[in-house]
Amino acid sequence: MTRTIREVGPLAVVVGLVCAVTLYMLGANPSLGRWLLAVLLFAHGWVHLMFVFPKPPPPKDPRLATAMAWPFDLGSSWLIGRAGLPAPTVQAIGRALAVVTFAGFLLAAGATAGVLVPAAWWSALALVASGSSALLLAIAFSPTLLLGFAIDLAVAWLVVAGPWSPVG
């Protein structure tokens, strides 16, 4: 657990600061804040595409062997080991969720920025994307993915109770 905190902690601090700045900018400079939020939504969705690709081979350089474990491996899902589901089924479900999550966050980013997607769709798109993301992260659970859960929670909070909406 300490290793996970040490590996993910600095990234969590940076993400937290970026989220705080984005929330501030949504109030202080809505035009800039909206674009910053759109970039964050897109980036969060983009990371989920890592579940579509196979786990990379271990590094040849032994100094890199202590690097953080690959958390995007659907083949090591608890649904395979504990629930007894076949690995191809879990991988297919996970990959489908990854694509749905990416598409949802991409469209939510477009609605946030007012580009090609009606702003009125923002709430639904952001909630669906956050929900599919949380489901995917639960299927492939790893302590490293807790940061993704936190981002999903923050997006859902912004939609349900937050002080900003692209609609007005």
Protein backbone atom coordinates (compact mmCIF):
# COMPACT_ATOMS: atom_id res chain seq x y z
CA MET A 1 0.00 0.00 0.00
CA THR A 2 2.84 2.38 0.84
CA ARG A 3 4.39 1.68 -2.55
CA THR A 4 1.12 2.51 -4.30
CA ILE A 5 0.83 5.79 -2.42
CA ARG A 6 4.44 6.61 -3.27
CA GLU A 7 3.87 5.83 -6.95
CA VAL A 8 0.46 7.44 -7.42
CA GLY A 9 0.69 10.17 -4.77
CA PRO A 10 2.54 12.79 -6.84
CA LEU A 11 0.16 12.28 -9.77
CA ALA A 12 -2.82 12.53 -7.42
CA VAL A 13 -1.54 15.83 -6.05
CA VAL A 14 -1.07 17.23 -9.56
CA VAL A 15 -4.52 16.05 -10.66
CA GLY A 16 -6.07 17.53 -7.52
CA LEU A 17 -4.39 20.88 -8.15
CA VAL A 18 -5.45 20.90 -11.80
CA CYS A 19 -9.03 20.09 -10.77
CA ALA A 20 -9.00 22.89 -8.17
CA VAL A 21 -7.63 25.38 -10.71
CA THR A 22 -10.24 24.26 -13.24
CA LEU A 23 -13.07 24.71 -10.74
CA TYR A 24 -11.72 28.17 -9.86
CA MET A 25 -11.40 29.10 -13.54
CA LEU A 26 -14.96 28.02 -14.26
CA GLY A 27 -16.06 30.81 -11.93
CA ALA A 28 -13.34 33.42 -12.52
CA ASN A 29 -12.88 33.04 -16.29
CA PRO A 30 -15.62 30.76 -17.63
CA SER A 31 -14.30 30.79 -21.18
CA LEU A 32 -10.85 29.48 -20.16
CA GLY A 33 -12.32 27.22 -17.47
CA ARG A 34 -14.64 25.56 -19.96
CA TRP A 35 -11.73 24.70 -22.27
CA LEU A 36 -9.61 23.45 -19.40
CA LEU A 37 -12.46 21.20 -18.25
CA ALA A 38 -12.93 19.94 -21.81
CA VAL A 39 -9.24 18.98 -21.99
CA LEU A 40 -9.46 17.19 -18.63
CA LEU A 41 -12.56 15.24 -19.67
CA PHE A 42 -10.92 14.23 -22.94
CA ALA A 43 -7.69 13.19 -21.18
CA HIS A 44 -9.55 11.12 -18.59
CA GLY A 45 -11.42 9.32 -21.36
CA TRP A 46 -8.23 8.82 -23.36
CA VAL A 47 -6.51 7.03 -20.46
CA HIS A 48 -9.28 4.41 -20.51
CA LEU A 49 -8.14 3.31 -23.97
CA MET A 50 -5.14 1.76 -22.20
CA PHE A 51 -7.48 -1.12 -21.31
CA VAL A 52 -7.85 -1.94 -25.02
CA PHE A 53 -4.14 -2.61 -25.51
CA PRO A 54 -2.23 -5.64 -24.20
CA LYS A 55 0.00 -5.44 -21.16
CA PRO A 56 3.47 -4.33 -22.26
CA PRO A 57 6.38 -6.74 -21.79
CA PRO A 58 8.54 -6.28 -18.69
CA PRO A 59 11.40 -3.80 -19.19
CA LYS A 60 14.78 -5.20 -20.16
CA ASP A 61 16.59 -2.69 -17.99
CA PRO A 62 16.54 -4.10 -14.42
CA ARG A 63 16.48 -0.56 -12.98
CA LEU A 64 13.03 -0.10 -14.52
CA ALA A 65 11.71 -3.41 -13.19
CA THR A 66 10.64 -1.72 -9.97
CA ALA A 67 8.39 0.68 -11.87
CA MET A 68 4.66 0.77 -11.12
CA ALA A 69 2.73 -2.35 -12.12
CA TRP A 70 0.52 -2.07 -15.22
CA PRO A 71 -2.96 -1.41 -13.79
CA PHE A 72 -4.81 -1.66 -17.13
CA ASP A 73 -4.62 -5.47 -17.47
CA LEU A 74 -8.12 -6.88 -17.84
CA GLY A 75 -6.61 -10.37 -17.79
CA SER A 76 -5.92 -10.02 -14.07
CA SER A 77 -9.45 -8.90 -13.17
CA TRP A 78 -10.94 -10.21 -9.95
CA LEU A 79 -13.93 -11.40 -12.03
CA ILE A 80 -11.73 -14.06 -13.61
CA GLY A 81 -10.10 -15.37 -10.45
CA ARG A 82 -12.82 -14.92 -7.81
CA ALA A 83 -16.05 -14.96 -9.80
CA GLY A 84 -14.85 -17.59 -12.27
CA LEU A 85 -15.85 -15.73 -15.44
CA PRO A 86 -13.91 -16.64 -18.58
CA ALA A 87 -11.05 -14.24 -19.36
CA PRO A 88 -12.22 -13.54 -22.96
CA THR A 89 -15.66 -12.50 -21.66
CA VAL A 90 -14.22 -10.14 -19.04
CA GLN A 91 -11.80 -8.69 -21.59
CA ALA A 92 -14.56 -8.14 -24.16
CA ILE A 93 -16.78 -6.42 -21.57
CA GLY A 94 -13.86 -4.31 -20.36
CA ARG A 95 -12.85 -3.26 -23.85
CA ALA A 96 -16.43 -2.33 -24.72
CA LEU A 97 -16.65 -0.25 -21.54
CA ALA A 98 -13.34 1.42 -22.39
CA VAL A 99 -14.67 2.47 -25.80
CA VAL A 100 -17.99 3.66 -24.33
CA THR A 101 -16.10 5.60 -21.64
CA PHE A 102 -13.78 7.24 -24.15
CA ALA A 103 -16.65 8.15 -26.48
CA GLY A 104 -18.69 9.51 -23.57
CA PHE A 105 -15.89 11.70 -22.27
CA LEU A 106 -15.00 12.82 -25.81
CA LEU A 107 -18.59 13.91 -26.42
CA ALA A 108 -18.82 15.46 -22.94
CA ALA A 109 -15.67 17.45 -23.72
CA GLY A 110 -17.26 18.63 -26.96
CA ALA A 111 -20.41 19.69 -25.11
CA THR A 112 -18.29 21.43 -22.46
CA ALA A 113 -16.42 23.45 -25.07
CA GLY A 114 -19.48 23.98 -27.25
CA VAL A 115 -17.89 22.15 -30.18
CA LEU A 116 -20.09 19.88 -32.34
CA VAL A 117 -22.12 18.61 -29.36
CA PRO A 118 -25.08 20.50 -27.87
CA ALA A 119 -24.33 21.85 -24.40
CA ALA A 120 -27.71 20.51 -23.24
CA TRP A 121 -26.32 16.97 -23.59
CA TRP A 122 -23.40 17.67 -21.21
CA SER A 123 -24.96 16.37 -17.99
CA ALA A 124 -26.11 13.07 -19.45
CA LEU A 125 -22.86 12.48 -21.32
CA ALA A 126 -20.69 13.26 -18.32
CA LEU A 127 -22.75 11.02 -16.00
CA VAL A 128 -22.81 8.10 -18.46
CA ALA A 129 -19.06 8.42 -19.06
CA SER A 130 -18.32 8.63 -15.33
CA GLY A 131 -20.55 5.63 -14.64
CA SER A 132 -19.02 3.46 -17.36
CA SER A 133 -15.56 4.53 -16.20
CA ALA A 134 -16.30 3.57 -12.59
CA LEU A 135 -17.70 0.21 -13.71
CA LEU A 136 -14.60 -0.47 -15.83
CA LEU A 137 -12.29 0.53 -12.98
CA ALA A 138 -14.21 -1.77 -10.63
CA ILE A 139 -13.87 -4.68 -13.06
CA ALA A 140 -10.10 -4.16 -13.35
CA PHE A 141 -9.64 -2.98 -9.77
CA SER A 142 -6.16 -2.03 -8.67
CA PRO A 143 -5.20 0.44 -5.94
CA THR A 144 -3.46 2.45 -8.65
CA LEU A 145 -6.85 3.07 -10.29
CA LEU A 146 -8.29 4.83 -7.22
CA LEU A 147 -7.30 8.14 -8.80
CA GLY A 148 -9.65 7.34 -11.70
CA PHE A 149 -12.49 6.71 -9.25
CA ALA A 150 -11.79 10.09 -7.64
CA ILE A 151 -11.95 11.83 -11.02
CA ASP A 152 -15.25 10.07 -11.83
CA LEU A 153 -16.65 11.20 -8.50
CA ALA A 154 -15.53 14.78 -9.14
CA VAL A 155 -17.19 14.80 -12.57
CA ALA A 156 -20.41 13.34 -11.17
CA TRP A 157 -20.35 15.94 -8.37
CA LEU A 158 -19.89 18.75 -10.90
CA VAL A 159 -22.90 17.50 -12.86
CA VAL A 160 -25.21 16.89 -9.89
CA ALA A 161 -24.26 19.56 -7.35
CA GLY A 162 -21.45 21.61 -8.82
CA PRO A 163 -21.52 25.36 -9.31
CA TRP A 164 -21.11 25.23 -13.10
CA SER A 165 -22.89 23.95 -16.18
CA PRO A 166 -22.26 24.75 -19.85
CA VAL A 167 -25.99 25.38 -20.25
CA GLY A 168 -25.93 28.33 -17.90
